[in-house]
Amino acid sequence: MGVKRAIRYSEAFKLQVLREIEEGRFETRAAAYRAYGIRGQGTIERWALKYGKNHLVGKVIRVETPKEANELKALRKRVRDLEKALANERLDHMLGEAYLEIACEAAGIEDVDGFKKKHAGRR
């Protein structure tokens, strides 16, 4: 098994690659990766950010209609409401379990799990 070695690039090399991308020598950053044998994904993007060449870093722009924006807002609110409801149900369940244990203890029933199995579904 070989030892992985980190490749360290000089500042001059990093700036040269960025300059060549800016000048249009490469159609894509992927072409620059291939041309120079740069293996790390996102390496050139990190260099661009480090040296203030943010215009070389791709950005994702999401365009949505007002209907989509409202729908997304409504869905996020629904998720929050459902998470709150789930938390309340969990608390109710925990309280029910605690009350059952107290009731079984008061009635002298030692096997709570056996009691639950025997009386499952009965109200």
Protein backbone atom coordinates (compact mmCIF):
# COMPACT_ATOMS: atom_id res chain seq x y z
CA MET A 1 0.00 0.00 0.00
CA GLY A 2 1.48 3.33 -1.07
CA VAL A 3 1.65 6.47 0.99
CA LYS A 4 -0.49 9.34 -0.29
CA ARG A 5 1.49 12.51 -0.72
CA ALA A 6 0.00 15.95 -0.84
CA ILE A 7 1.02 17.99 -3.86
CA ARG A 8 2.05 21.53 -3.00
CA TYR A 9 1.84 24.11 -5.75
CA SER A 10 3.89 27.31 -5.70
CA GLU A 11 2.20 30.69 -5.49
CA ALA A 12 3.58 31.56 -8.94
CA PHE A 13 2.09 28.38 -10.44
CA LYS A 14 -1.32 29.05 -8.88
CA LEU A 15 -1.36 32.62 -10.19
CA GLN A 16 -0.23 31.45 -13.66
CA VAL A 17 -3.10 28.95 -13.88
CA LEU A 18 -5.61 31.58 -12.78
CA ARG A 19 -4.19 34.13 -15.25
CA GLU A 20 -4.43 31.64 -18.13
CA ILE A 21 -8.05 30.88 -17.24
CA GLU A 22 -8.82 34.62 -17.14
CA GLU A 23 -7.13 35.15 -20.51
CA GLY A 24 -9.30 32.42 -22.04
CA ARG A 25 -6.58 29.85 -22.73
CA PHE A 26 -8.90 27.19 -21.34
CA GLU A 27 -12.59 26.95 -22.21
CA THR A 28 -13.37 25.41 -18.82
CA ARG A 29 -11.68 24.93 -15.49
CA ALA A 30 -11.79 21.19 -16.20
CA ALA A 31 -9.51 21.79 -19.19
CA ALA A 32 -7.03 23.56 -16.90
CA TYR A 33 -7.19 20.65 -14.46
CA ARG A 34 -6.37 18.22 -17.27
CA ALA A 35 -3.67 20.39 -18.86
CA TYR A 36 -1.71 20.71 -15.64
CA GLY A 37 -2.61 17.37 -14.06
CA ILE A 38 -4.25 18.99 -11.06
CA ARG A 39 -6.11 16.20 -9.27
CA GLY A 40 -7.92 17.86 -6.38
CA GLN A 41 -11.55 18.70 -7.03
CA GLY A 42 -12.16 22.34 -6.23
CA THR A 43 -8.45 23.20 -6.09
CA ILE A 44 -8.60 25.94 -8.71
CA GLU A 45 -11.79 27.31 -7.14
CA ARG A 46 -10.01 27.59 -3.77
CA TRP A 47 -7.11 29.38 -5.42
CA ALA A 48 -9.50 31.81 -7.12
CA LEU A 49 -11.17 32.62 -3.81
CA LYS A 50 -7.81 32.96 -2.06
CA TYR A 51 -6.49 35.44 -4.62
CA GLY A 52 -9.71 37.46 -4.97
CA LYS A 53 -10.58 36.10 -8.42
CA ASN A 54 -14.17 35.37 -7.41
CA HIS A 55 -15.39 35.93 -10.96
CA LEU A 56 -13.71 32.64 -11.91
CA VAL A 57 -15.77 30.66 -9.41
CA GLY A 58 -19.03 29.34 -10.78
CA LYS A 59 -22.19 30.43 -9.06
CA VAL A 60 -25.62 28.84 -9.04
CA ILE A 61 -28.43 31.28 -9.66
CA ARG A 62 -31.96 30.06 -9.04
CA VAL A 63 -34.73 31.84 -10.88
CA GLU A 64 -38.22 31.11 -9.65
CA THR A 65 -41.70 32.41 -10.19
CA PRO A 66 -43.60 34.09 -7.35
CA LYS A 67 -45.80 30.99 -7.19
CA GLU A 68 -42.74 28.77 -6.67
CA ALA A 69 -41.35 31.11 -4.02
CA ASN A 70 -44.66 31.10 -2.14
CA GLU A 71 -44.90 27.32 -2.46
CA LEU A 72 -41.38 26.90 -1.07
CA LYS A 73 -42.19 29.22 1.84
CA ALA A 74 -45.41 27.29 2.56
CA LEU A 75 -43.56 23.94 2.42
CA ARG A 76 -40.91 25.16 4.85
CA LYS A 77 -43.63 26.33 7.24
CA ARG A 78 -45.34 22.95 6.92
CA VAL A 79 -42.10 21.15 7.75
CA ARG A 80 -41.64 23.33 10.84
CA ASP A 81 -45.23 22.67 11.93
CA LEU A 82 -44.83 18.92 11.40
CA GLU A 83 -41.56 18.88 13.34
CA LYS A 84 -43.31 20.63 16.25
CA ALA A 85 -46.23 18.18 16.08
CA LEU A 86 -43.81 15.24 16.06
CA ALA A 87 -41.96 16.64 19.08
CA ASN A 88 -45.28 17.01 20.94
CA GLU A 89 -46.25 13.44 20.07
CA ARG A 90 -42.90 12.18 21.34
CA LEU A 91 -43.44 14.02 24.61
CA ASP A 92 -46.96 12.61 24.91
CA HIS A 93 -45.61 9.11 24.29
CA MET A 94 -42.88 9.52 26.89
CA LEU A 95 -45.43 10.79 29.42
CA GLY A 96 -47.72 7.86 28.65
CA GLU A 97 -44.85 5.42 29.20
CA ALA A 98 -43.98 7.09 32.50
CA TYR A 99 -47.62 7.03 33.67
CA LEU A 100 -47.89 3.34 32.73
CA GLU A 101 -44.77 2.51 34.75
CA ILE A 102 -46.14 4.44 37.75
CA ALA A 103 -49.53 2.72 37.45
CA CYS A 104 -47.96 -0.73 37.16
CA GLU A 105 -45.77 -0.02 40.17
CA ALA A 106 -48.79 1.12 42.17
CA ALA A 107 -50.74 -2.00 41.13
CA GLY A 108 -47.82 -4.28 41.99
CA ILE A 109 -47.21 -5.35 38.38
CA GLU A 110 -43.48 -5.97 37.95
CA ASP A 111 -43.42 -6.95 34.26
CA VAL A 112 -44.48 -3.73 32.47
CA ASP A 113 -43.57 -5.09 29.02
CA GLY A 114 -45.61 -8.24 29.64
CA PHE A 115 -48.54 -6.11 30.78
CA LYS A 116 -48.30 -4.00 27.60
CA LYS A 117 -48.24 -7.11 25.38
CA LYS A 118 -51.15 -8.73 27.18
CA HIS A 119 -53.32 -5.61 27.03
CA ALA A 120 -52.22 -4.21 23.66
CA GLY A 121 -55.05 -2.60 21.74
CA ARG A 122 -57.46 -2.50 24.69
CA ARG A 123 -58.74 0.80 26.01
